[in-house]
Amino acid sequence: MDLAVIYDSKTDNTKQAARWIAEGMGRVEGVNAGIFHVSEADNNAEFIRGASGVVMGCPTYAAIMTPAMRDFLMGAGKLGLAGKLGGAFATAQYTHGGAELVIQSILVNEIVLGMLCFSGGGSFGKPIIHLGPVGINDNVEKHNGMDNYKEYFTVYGERFARKAMELFS
C-alpha cells in the first residue's frame, strides 16, 4: 500500500518531520511511503493518486499555514484525494506559535477535499497525539529542538499506516 507525505519546509525542520512520519509508516509491513515537497507534488501526481492516504504538513507562518501549502491545497482536487485517509502535522519556532491552528486548517481543507481525517486522539494511549504531531525547533527556544519530538512523528506515521491498512487493505 502506498502512502504519501506532502510537506512545505523553510529550514528543513518540517522536512525532517516528514521523514520521521514516513519512517513510522515504513514500520508497517506492506507500506511504501513517498515523501514530496509541495513543489514536487504535481510531478508525483501518479503516486499520490494511487496512495491510500496522504499526510500533509508545514511550518507555522504567522500562526497559519505557509502560502505554498495553502496554494497546494487550493489545487489539490486534481490529485483525486477524495476518499483517502488524511492527516496533518506542523512545526513551529515557538511553543505557542500556532502549530495546532495550522494542523486544524490543513484537516479542514482535507475534509473539504473529501478525505477521511485521522488523528488517533487519546485512543491509542501515550504518546497522545490529538490532532497531529507538532515539533518545536531550537532556532529561538534553546530548550526545544526537533529531536525531542521524533517519537511523536514516527508513532503518528505508524498509527496512520495501521489505520490505512485497516481501512483499505
N, C-alpha and C. Protein backbone atom coordinates (compact mmCIF):
# COMPACT_ATOMS: atom_id res chain seq x y z
N MET A 1 0.84 -1.18 0.00
CA MET A 1 0.00 0.00 0.00
C MET A 1 0.88 1.24 0.00
N ASP A 2 0.56 2.18 -0.86
CA ASP A 2 1.30 3.44 -0.93
C ASP A 2 0.63 4.49 -0.06
N LEU A 3 1.46 5.24 0.67
CA LEU A 3 1.03 6.39 1.45
C LEU A 3 1.96 7.54 1.10
N ALA A 4 1.44 8.76 1.13
CA ALA A 4 2.24 9.93 0.77
C ALA A 4 2.33 10.91 1.93
N VAL A 5 3.48 11.55 2.02
CA VAL A 5 3.68 12.65 2.96
C VAL A 5 4.06 13.85 2.11
N ILE A 6 3.24 14.89 2.19
CA ILE A 6 3.48 16.11 1.41
C ILE A 6 3.74 17.24 2.40
N TYR A 7 4.82 17.99 2.18
CA TYR A 7 5.21 18.99 3.16
C TYR A 7 5.74 20.24 2.47
N ASP A 8 5.74 21.33 3.24
CA ASP A 8 6.49 22.53 2.88
C ASP A 8 7.48 22.73 4.02
N SER A 9 8.64 23.27 3.73
CA SER A 9 9.67 23.46 4.76
C SER A 9 10.52 24.66 4.40
N LYS A 10 10.87 25.44 5.40
CA LYS A 10 11.71 26.61 5.19
C LYS A 10 13.12 26.39 5.71
N THR A 11 13.26 25.67 6.83
CA THR A 11 14.57 25.48 7.45
C THR A 11 14.92 23.99 7.59
N ASP A 12 14.20 23.15 6.89
CA ASP A 12 14.37 21.69 6.89
C ASP A 12 13.85 20.99 8.15
N ASN A 13 13.30 21.71 9.11
CA ASN A 13 12.70 21.06 10.27
C ASN A 13 11.45 20.28 9.88
N THR A 14 10.61 20.86 9.05
CA THR A 14 9.40 20.16 8.63
C THR A 14 9.74 19.02 7.68
N LYS A 15 10.76 19.20 6.88
CA LYS A 15 11.24 18.11 6.03
C LYS A 15 11.67 16.92 6.90
N GLN A 16 12.38 17.20 7.99
CA GLN A 16 12.79 16.13 8.90
C GLN A 16 11.56 15.46 9.52
N ALA A 17 10.58 16.25 9.92
CA ALA A 17 9.35 15.69 10.48
C ALA A 17 8.67 14.77 9.47
N ALA A 18 8.64 15.19 8.21
CA ALA A 18 8.04 14.35 7.15
C ALA A 18 8.80 13.04 7.02
N ARG A 19 10.11 13.09 7.10
CA ARG A 19 10.91 11.86 7.03
C ARG A 19 10.59 10.93 8.20
N TRP A 20 10.44 11.51 9.39
CA TRP A 20 10.11 10.68 10.55
C TRP A 20 8.73 10.04 10.41
N ILE A 21 7.77 10.77 9.87
CA ILE A 21 6.44 10.19 9.65
C ILE A 21 6.56 9.02 8.68
N ALA A 22 7.29 9.22 7.58
CA ALA A 22 7.49 8.13 6.61
C ALA A 22 8.22 6.95 7.25
N GLU A 23 9.17 7.23 8.13
CA GLU A 23 9.88 6.16 8.84
C GLU A 23 8.88 5.33 9.66
N GLY A 24 7.99 6.01 10.36
CA GLY A 24 6.97 5.31 11.14
C GLY A 24 6.03 4.51 10.25
N MET A 25 5.65 5.07 9.12
CA MET A 25 4.80 4.35 8.17
C MET A 25 5.48 3.07 7.71
N GLY A 26 6.78 3.16 7.47
CA GLY A 26 7.56 2.03 6.99
C GLY A 26 7.67 0.90 7.99
N ARG A 27 7.32 1.14 9.24
CA ARG A 27 7.33 0.08 10.25
C ARG A 27 6.19 -0.91 10.05
N VAL A 28 5.22 -0.53 9.22
CA VAL A 28 4.06 -1.39 8.97
C VAL A 28 4.33 -2.19 7.70
N GLU A 29 4.29 -3.49 7.83
CA GLU A 29 4.57 -4.36 6.69
C GLU A 29 3.62 -4.08 5.54
N GLY A 30 4.18 -3.97 4.35
CA GLY A 30 3.39 -3.75 3.15
C GLY A 30 3.17 -2.29 2.79
N VAL A 31 3.73 -1.38 3.58
CA VAL A 31 3.54 0.05 3.33
C VAL A 31 4.77 0.63 2.65
N ASN A 32 4.53 1.40 1.60
CA ASN A 32 5.56 2.15 0.89
C ASN A 32 5.20 3.63 1.03
N ALA A 33 6.08 4.40 1.67
CA ALA A 33 5.81 5.82 1.90
C ALA A 33 6.62 6.69 0.95
N GLY A 34 5.94 7.58 0.26
CA GLY A 34 6.60 8.57 -0.59
C GLY A 34 6.56 9.92 0.09
N ILE A 35 7.66 10.65 0.03
CA ILE A 35 7.76 11.97 0.65
C ILE A 35 7.98 13.00 -0.45
N PHE A 36 7.14 14.04 -0.45
CA PHE A 36 7.20 15.04 -1.52
C PHE A 36 7.05 16.45 -0.98
N HIS A 37 7.94 17.33 -1.38
CA HIS A 37 7.77 18.75 -1.11
C HIS A 37 6.57 19.21 -1.94
N VAL A 38 5.84 20.20 -1.46
CA VAL A 38 4.65 20.67 -2.20
C VAL A 38 4.99 21.05 -3.64
N SER A 39 6.19 21.53 -3.86
CA SER A 39 6.58 21.91 -5.22
C SER A 39 6.80 20.69 -6.12
N GLU A 40 6.93 19.50 -5.54
CA GLU A 40 7.13 18.26 -6.30
C GLU A 40 5.85 17.45 -6.47
N ALA A 41 4.77 17.88 -5.85
CA ALA A 41 3.54 17.07 -5.85
C ALA A 41 3.01 16.83 -7.26
N ASP A 42 2.96 17.84 -8.08
CA ASP A 42 2.45 17.65 -9.44
C ASP A 42 3.29 16.66 -10.23
N ASN A 43 4.60 16.67 -10.02
CA ASN A 43 5.48 15.72 -10.71
C ASN A 43 5.32 14.29 -10.20
N ASN A 44 4.68 14.14 -9.05
CA ASN A 44 4.45 12.82 -8.45
C ASN A 44 2.97 12.53 -8.31
N ALA A 45 2.17 13.14 -9.18
CA ALA A 45 0.72 13.01 -9.12
C ALA A 45 0.26 11.56 -9.23
N GLU A 46 0.92 10.76 -10.06
CA GLU A 46 0.51 9.36 -10.22
C GLU A 46 0.64 8.60 -8.90
N PHE A 47 1.75 8.80 -8.19
CA PHE A 47 1.94 8.14 -6.90
C PHE A 47 0.87 8.61 -5.91
N ILE A 48 0.66 9.92 -5.85
CA ILE A 48 -0.30 10.48 -4.90
C ILE A 48 -1.72 10.00 -5.21
N ARG A 49 -2.10 9.98 -6.48
CA ARG A 49 -3.43 9.48 -6.86
C ARG A 49 -3.61 8.02 -6.44
N GLY A 50 -2.55 7.24 -6.52
CA GLY A 50 -2.64 5.83 -6.17
C GLY A 50 -2.49 5.54 -4.68
N ALA A 51 -2.09 6.53 -3.91
CA ALA A 51 -1.90 6.34 -2.47
C ALA A 51 -3.24 6.22 -1.77
N SER A 52 -3.27 5.41 -0.73
CA SER A 52 -4.48 5.26 0.08
C SER A 52 -4.62 6.34 1.13
N GLY A 53 -3.52 6.99 1.46
CA GLY A 53 -3.55 8.04 2.46
C GLY A 53 -2.49 9.08 2.19
N VAL A 54 -2.77 10.30 2.66
CA VAL A 54 -1.84 11.41 2.48
C VAL A 54 -1.80 12.22 3.77
N VAL A 55 -0.59 12.42 4.29
CA VAL A 55 -0.38 13.29 5.45
C VAL A 55 0.30 14.55 4.94
N MET A 56 -0.21 15.71 5.36
CA MET A 56 0.32 16.99 4.90
C MET A 56 0.78 17.82 6.09
N GLY A 57 1.88 18.55 5.89
CA GLY A 57 2.36 19.38 6.98
C GLY A 57 3.23 20.52 6.51
N CYS A 58 3.34 21.52 7.37
CA CYS A 58 4.16 22.68 7.07
C CYS A 58 4.51 23.41 8.35
N PRO A 59 5.45 24.33 8.27
CA PRO A 59 5.72 25.16 9.44
C PRO A 59 4.63 26.20 9.61
N THR A 60 4.55 26.74 10.81
CA THR A 60 3.62 27.85 11.03
C THR A 60 4.22 29.10 10.39
N TYR A 61 3.36 29.92 9.88
CA TYR A 61 3.76 31.15 9.22
C TYR A 61 2.81 32.21 9.75
N ALA A 62 3.23 32.90 10.81
CA ALA A 62 2.36 33.86 11.50
C ALA A 62 1.08 33.16 11.99
N ALA A 63 1.24 31.97 12.55
CA ALA A 63 0.17 31.15 13.13
C ALA A 63 -0.81 30.60 12.09
N ILE A 64 -0.41 30.61 10.81
CA ILE A 64 -1.22 29.98 9.77
C ILE A 64 -0.29 29.12 8.91
N MET A 65 -0.89 28.33 8.02
CA MET A 65 -0.07 27.51 7.13
C MET A 65 0.70 28.39 6.16
N THR A 66 1.75 27.86 5.60
CA THR A 66 2.56 28.63 4.66
C THR A 66 1.77 28.89 3.38
N PRO A 67 2.08 29.96 2.69
CA PRO A 67 1.41 30.23 1.41
C PRO A 67 1.55 29.08 0.42
N ALA A 68 2.70 28.42 0.39
CA ALA A 68 2.90 27.31 -0.55
C ALA A 68 1.96 26.15 -0.23
N MET A 69 1.75 25.85 1.06
CA MET A 69 0.83 24.76 1.42
C MET A 69 -0.61 25.16 1.08
N ARG A 70 -0.96 26.40 1.35
CA ARG A 70 -2.31 26.87 1.02
C ARG A 70 -2.55 26.79 -0.50
N ASP A 71 -1.60 27.23 -1.29
CA ASP A 71 -1.74 27.15 -2.74
C ASP A 71 -1.86 25.70 -3.20
N PHE A 72 -1.05 24.82 -2.61
CA PHE A 72 -1.14 23.41 -2.95
C PHE A 72 -2.54 22.88 -2.64
N LEU A 73 -3.05 23.16 -1.46
CA LEU A 73 -4.38 22.65 -1.08
C LEU A 73 -5.48 23.20 -1.98
N MET A 74 -5.34 24.42 -2.44
CA MET A 74 -6.36 25.01 -3.32
C MET A 74 -6.42 24.30 -4.67
N GLY A 75 -5.33 23.67 -5.10
CA GLY A 75 -5.31 22.96 -6.37
C GLY A 75 -5.26 21.45 -6.22
N ALA A 76 -5.38 20.96 -4.99
CA ALA A 76 -5.18 19.53 -4.74
C ALA A 76 -6.33 18.65 -5.21
N GLY A 77 -7.46 19.24 -5.56
CA GLY A 77 -8.59 18.44 -6.05
C GLY A 77 -8.23 17.61 -7.26
N LYS A 78 -7.32 18.08 -8.08
CA LYS A 78 -6.91 17.36 -9.29
C LYS A 78 -6.15 16.08 -8.97
N LEU A 79 -5.74 15.90 -7.70
CA LEU A 79 -4.98 14.72 -7.32
C LEU A 79 -5.87 13.56 -6.84
N GLY A 80 -7.18 13.74 -6.90
CA GLY A 80 -8.07 12.65 -6.53
C GLY A 80 -7.96 12.24 -5.08
N LEU A 81 -7.98 13.20 -4.17
CA LEU A 81 -7.80 12.91 -2.76
C LEU A 81 -9.07 12.43 -2.06
N ALA A 82 -10.22 12.63 -2.66
CA ALA A 82 -11.48 12.23 -2.03
C ALA A 82 -11.46 10.74 -1.68
N GLY A 83 -11.87 10.43 -0.47
CA GLY A 83 -11.94 9.05 -0.02
C GLY A 83 -10.65 8.52 0.58
N LYS A 84 -9.56 9.27 0.46
CA LYS A 84 -8.28 8.83 1.04
C LYS A 84 -8.24 9.21 2.52
N LEU A 85 -7.42 8.49 3.27
CA LEU A 85 -7.17 8.86 4.65
C LEU A 85 -6.25 10.07 4.65
N GLY A 86 -6.56 11.06 5.45
CA GLY A 86 -5.77 12.28 5.52
C GLY A 86 -5.28 12.55 6.92
N GLY A 87 -4.14 13.18 7.01
CA GLY A 87 -3.58 13.56 8.30
C GLY A 87 -2.79 14.83 8.17
N ALA A 88 -2.39 15.40 9.31
CA ALA A 88 -1.69 16.67 9.28
C ALA A 88 -0.66 16.76 10.41
N PHE A 89 0.36 17.58 10.18
CA PHE A 89 1.38 17.85 11.18
C PHE A 89 1.92 19.25 10.96
N ALA A 90 2.64 19.76 11.95
CA ALA A 90 3.19 21.11 11.83
C ALA A 90 4.45 21.23 12.67
N THR A 91 5.23 22.24 12.33
CA THR A 91 6.39 22.62 13.12
C THR A 91 6.29 24.11 13.40
N ALA A 92 7.02 24.54 14.43
CA ALA A 92 6.98 25.95 14.81
C ALA A 92 8.29 26.35 15.47
N GLN A 93 8.51 27.64 15.55
CA GLN A 93 9.69 28.15 16.26
C GLN A 93 9.41 28.37 17.74
N TYR A 94 8.14 28.52 18.09
CA TYR A 94 7.75 28.83 19.46
C TYR A 94 6.74 27.80 19.95
N THR A 95 6.82 27.46 21.22
CA THR A 95 5.89 26.52 21.82
C THR A 95 4.45 26.95 21.57
N HIS A 96 4.18 28.23 21.66
CA HIS A 96 2.83 28.74 21.45
C HIS A 96 2.73 29.51 20.14
N GLY A 97 3.31 28.94 19.09
CA GLY A 97 3.40 29.61 17.80
C GLY A 97 2.25 29.36 16.85
N GLY A 98 1.26 28.59 17.27
CA GLY A 98 0.10 28.37 16.42
C GLY A 98 0.09 27.08 15.63
N ALA A 99 0.95 26.13 15.97
CA ALA A 99 1.02 24.89 15.20
C ALA A 99 -0.31 24.13 15.18
N GLU A 100 -1.03 24.16 16.30
CA GLU A 100 -2.33 23.47 16.33
C GLU A 100 -3.31 24.10 15.35
N LEU A 101 -3.22 25.41 15.19
CA LEU A 101 -4.09 26.10 14.22
C LEU A 101 -3.76 25.66 12.80
N VAL A 102 -2.49 25.49 12.51
CA VAL A 102 -2.08 25.03 11.19
C VAL A 102 -2.63 23.62 10.93
N ILE A 103 -2.48 22.73 11.91
CA ILE A 103 -2.99 21.37 11.75
C ILE A 103 -4.50 21.40 11.53
N GLN A 104 -5.23 22.16 12.33
CA GLN A 104 -6.68 22.25 12.15
C GLN A 104 -7.04 22.75 10.76
N SER A 105 -6.33 23.75 10.29
CA SER A 105 -6.61 24.31 8.98
C SER A 105 -6.35 23.29 7.86
N ILE A 106 -5.26 22.54 7.98
CA ILE A 106 -4.99 21.50 6.98
C ILE A 106 -6.09 20.44 7.02
N LEU A 107 -6.48 20.01 8.23
CA LEU A 107 -7.53 19.00 8.35
C LEU A 107 -8.86 19.49 7.77
N VAL A 108 -9.19 20.75 8.00
CA VAL A 108 -10.43 21.30 7.42
C VAL A 108 -10.36 21.26 5.90
N ASN A 109 -9.22 21.63 5.34
CA ASN A 109 -9.06 21.57 3.89
C ASN A 109 -9.17 20.14 3.38
N GLU A 110 -8.62 19.19 4.12
CA GLU A 110 -8.74 17.78 3.73
C GLU A 110 -10.20 17.33 3.74
N ILE A 111 -10.95 17.75 4.74
CA ILE A 111 -12.38 17.41 4.79
C ILE A 111 -13.10 17.98 3.57
N VAL A 112 -12.80 19.23 3.24
CA VAL A 112 -13.41 19.87 2.06
C VAL A 112 -13.08 19.08 0.79
N LEU A 113 -11.88 18.51 0.74
CA LEU A 113 -11.47 17.71 -0.42
C LEU A 113 -12.08 16.30 -0.40
N GLY A 114 -12.83 15.98 0.66
CA GLY A 114 -13.50 14.68 0.74
C GLY A 114 -12.66 13.59 1.38
N MET A 115 -11.62 13.98 2.09
CA MET A 115 -10.76 12.99 2.73
C MET A 115 -11.33 12.57 4.09
N LEU A 116 -10.92 11.40 4.55
CA LEU A 116 -11.27 10.89 5.86
C LEU A 116 -10.12 11.25 6.79
N CYS A 117 -10.34 12.07 7.78
CA CYS A 117 -9.23 12.59 8.58
C CYS A 117 -8.93 11.72 9.79
N PHE A 118 -7.64 11.54 10.04
CA PHE A 118 -7.13 10.71 11.11
C PHE A 118 -6.41 11.57 12.14
N SER A 119 -6.64 11.26 13.40
CA SER A 119 -5.85 11.91 14.44
C SER A 119 -5.35 10.88 15.44
N GLY A 120 -6.17 9.91 15.79
CA GLY A 120 -5.80 8.95 16.81
C GLY A 120 -6.23 9.40 18.19
N GLY A 121 -6.16 10.70 18.43
CA GLY A 121 -6.56 11.22 19.73
C GLY A 121 -5.92 10.45 20.86
N GLY A 122 -6.63 10.30 21.94
CA GLY A 122 -6.12 9.57 23.09
C GLY A 122 -6.39 8.09 23.04
N SER A 123 -7.05 7.63 21.98
CA SER A 123 -7.48 6.24 21.93
C SER A 123 -6.33 5.24 21.86
N PHE A 124 -5.16 5.67 21.42
CA PHE A 124 -4.03 4.77 21.31
C PHE A 124 -3.12 4.81 22.53
N GLY A 125 -3.41 5.66 23.49
CA GLY A 125 -2.55 5.80 24.65
C GLY A 125 -1.39 6.73 24.36
N LYS A 126 -0.38 6.63 25.19
CA LYS A 126 0.75 7.54 25.07
C LYS A 126 1.73 7.08 24.02
N PRO A 127 2.35 7.99 23.28
CA PRO A 127 2.13 9.43 23.41
C PRO A 127 0.80 9.84 22.80
N ILE A 128 0.11 10.71 23.48
CA ILE A 128 -1.19 11.18 23.00
C ILE A 128 -0.95 12.26 21.94
N ILE A 129 -1.57 12.05 20.79
CA ILE A 129 -1.44 12.99 19.67
C ILE A 129 -2.87 13.30 19.23
N HIS A 130 -3.43 14.38 19.73
CA HIS A 130 -4.84 14.66 19.49
C HIS A 130 -5.17 14.94 18.02
N LEU A 131 -4.53 15.92 17.41
CA LEU A 131 -4.86 16.29 16.03
C LEU A 131 -3.79 15.87 15.04
N GLY A 132 -2.57 15.92 15.45
CA GLY A 132 -1.42 15.59 14.63
C GLY A 132 -0.19 16.02 15.40
N PRO A 133 0.96 15.48 15.04
CA PRO A 133 2.17 15.82 15.79
C PRO A 133 2.69 17.22 15.50
N VAL A 134 3.30 17.81 16.51
CA VAL A 134 3.89 19.14 16.43
C VAL A 134 5.34 19.03 16.91
N GLY A 135 6.24 19.69 16.21
CA GLY A 135 7.63 19.78 16.64
C GLY A 135 8.04 21.23 16.75
N ILE A 136 8.80 21.54 17.80
CA ILE A 136 9.29 22.89 18.01
C ILE A 136 10.80 22.86 17.84
N ASN A 137 11.31 23.68 16.93
CA ASN A 137 12.76 23.67 16.68
C ASN A 137 13.49 24.50 17.73
N ASP A 138 14.78 24.49 17.67
CA ASP A 138 15.57 25.24 18.64
C ASP A 138 16.14 26.53 18.07
N ASN A 139 15.54 27.02 16.99
CA ASN A 139 16.02 28.27 16.40
C ASN A 139 15.87 29.44 17.37
N VAL A 140 14.82 29.41 18.19
CA VAL A 140 14.54 30.51 19.11
C VAL A 140 14.55 30.01 20.55
N GLU A 141 13.83 28.94 20.82
CA GLU A 141 13.75 28.38 22.18
C GLU A 141 14.83 27.30 22.33
N LYS A 142 15.91 27.64 22.94
CA LYS A 142 17.06 26.73 23.01
C LYS A 142 16.77 25.47 23.82
N HIS A 143 15.74 25.50 24.67
CA HIS A 143 15.38 24.30 25.43
C HIS A 143 14.60 23.30 24.56
N ASN A 144 14.20 23.71 23.39
CA ASN A 144 13.49 22.84 22.47
C ASN A 144 14.45 22.30 21.44
N GLY A 145 13.92 21.59 20.48
CA GLY A 145 14.71 21.02 19.39
C GLY A 145 13.94 19.88 18.76
N MET A 146 14.01 19.78 17.45
CA MET A 146 13.22 18.79 16.74
C MET A 146 13.47 17.36 17.22
N ASP A 147 14.70 17.04 17.59
CA ASP A 147 14.99 15.68 18.04
C ASP A 147 14.14 15.28 19.25
N ASN A 148 13.71 16.24 20.04
CA ASN A 148 12.85 15.96 21.19
C ASN A 148 11.47 15.46 20.77
N TYR A 149 11.10 15.64 19.51
CA TYR A 149 9.76 15.31 19.04
C TYR A 149 9.72 14.14 18.07
N LYS A 150 10.87 13.53 17.81
CA LYS A 150 10.93 12.45 16.83
C LYS A 150 9.91 11.35 17.12
N GLU A 151 9.79 10.94 18.37
CA GLU A 151 8.87 9.86 18.71
C GLU A 151 7.43 10.19 18.29
N TYR A 152 7.02 11.43 18.49
CA TYR A 152 5.65 11.80 18.12
C TYR A 152 5.41 11.60 16.62
N PHE A 153 6.37 12.00 15.81
CA PHE A 153 6.21 11.88 14.37
C PHE A 153 6.27 10.43 13.90
N THR A 154 7.20 9.65 14.43
CA THR A 154 7.30 8.24 14.00
C THR A 154 6.10 7.44 14.48
N VAL A 155 5.67 7.66 15.70
CA VAL A 155 4.49 6.95 16.22
C VAL A 155 3.25 7.33 15.42
N TYR A 156 3.11 8.61 15.12
CA TYR A 156 1.97 9.05 14.32
C TYR A 156 1.98 8.38 12.95
N GLY A 157 3.15 8.34 12.30
CA GLY A 157 3.25 7.70 10.99
C GLY A 157 2.86 6.23 11.05
N GLU A 158 3.32 5.54 12.08
CA GLU A 158 2.97 4.12 12.23
C GLU A 158 1.48 3.94 12.47
N ARG A 159 0.91 4.75 13.35
CA ARG A 159 -0.53 4.66 13.62
C ARG A 159 -1.34 4.96 12.37
N PHE A 160 -0.93 5.98 11.64
CA PHE A 160 -1.62 6.35 10.40
C PHE A 160 -1.60 5.17 9.42
N ALA A 161 -0.43 4.55 9.26
CA ALA A 161 -0.29 3.44 8.33
C ALA A 161 -1.15 2.25 8.75
N ARG A 162 -1.18 1.98 10.06
CA ARG A 162 -2.02 0.86 10.53
C ARG A 162 -3.50 1.12 10.24
N LYS A 163 -3.93 2.34 10.44
CA LYS A 163 -5.33 2.69 10.15
C LYS A 163 -5.61 2.58 8.66
N ALA A 164 -4.68 3.04 7.83
CA ALA A 164 -4.85 2.93 6.38
C ALA A 164 -4.95 1.46 5.96
N MET A 165 -4.12 0.61 6.54
CA MET A 165 -4.18 -0.82 6.23
C MET A 165 -5.52 -1.41 6.66
N GLU A 166 -5.98 -1.02 7.84
CA GLU A 166 -7.27 -1.49 8.33
C GLU A 166 -8.41 -1.09 7.42
N LEU A 167 -8.36 0.12 6.93
CA LEU A 167 -9.44 0.64 6.08
C LEU A 167 -9.39 0.19 4.64
N PHE A 168 -8.18 0.05 4.08
CA PHE A 168 -8.08 -0.09 2.64
C PHE A 168 -7.43 -1.39 2.14
N SER A 169 -6.97 -2.26 3.03
CA SER A 169 -6.35 -3.49 2.51
C SER A 169 -7.30 -4.68 2.60
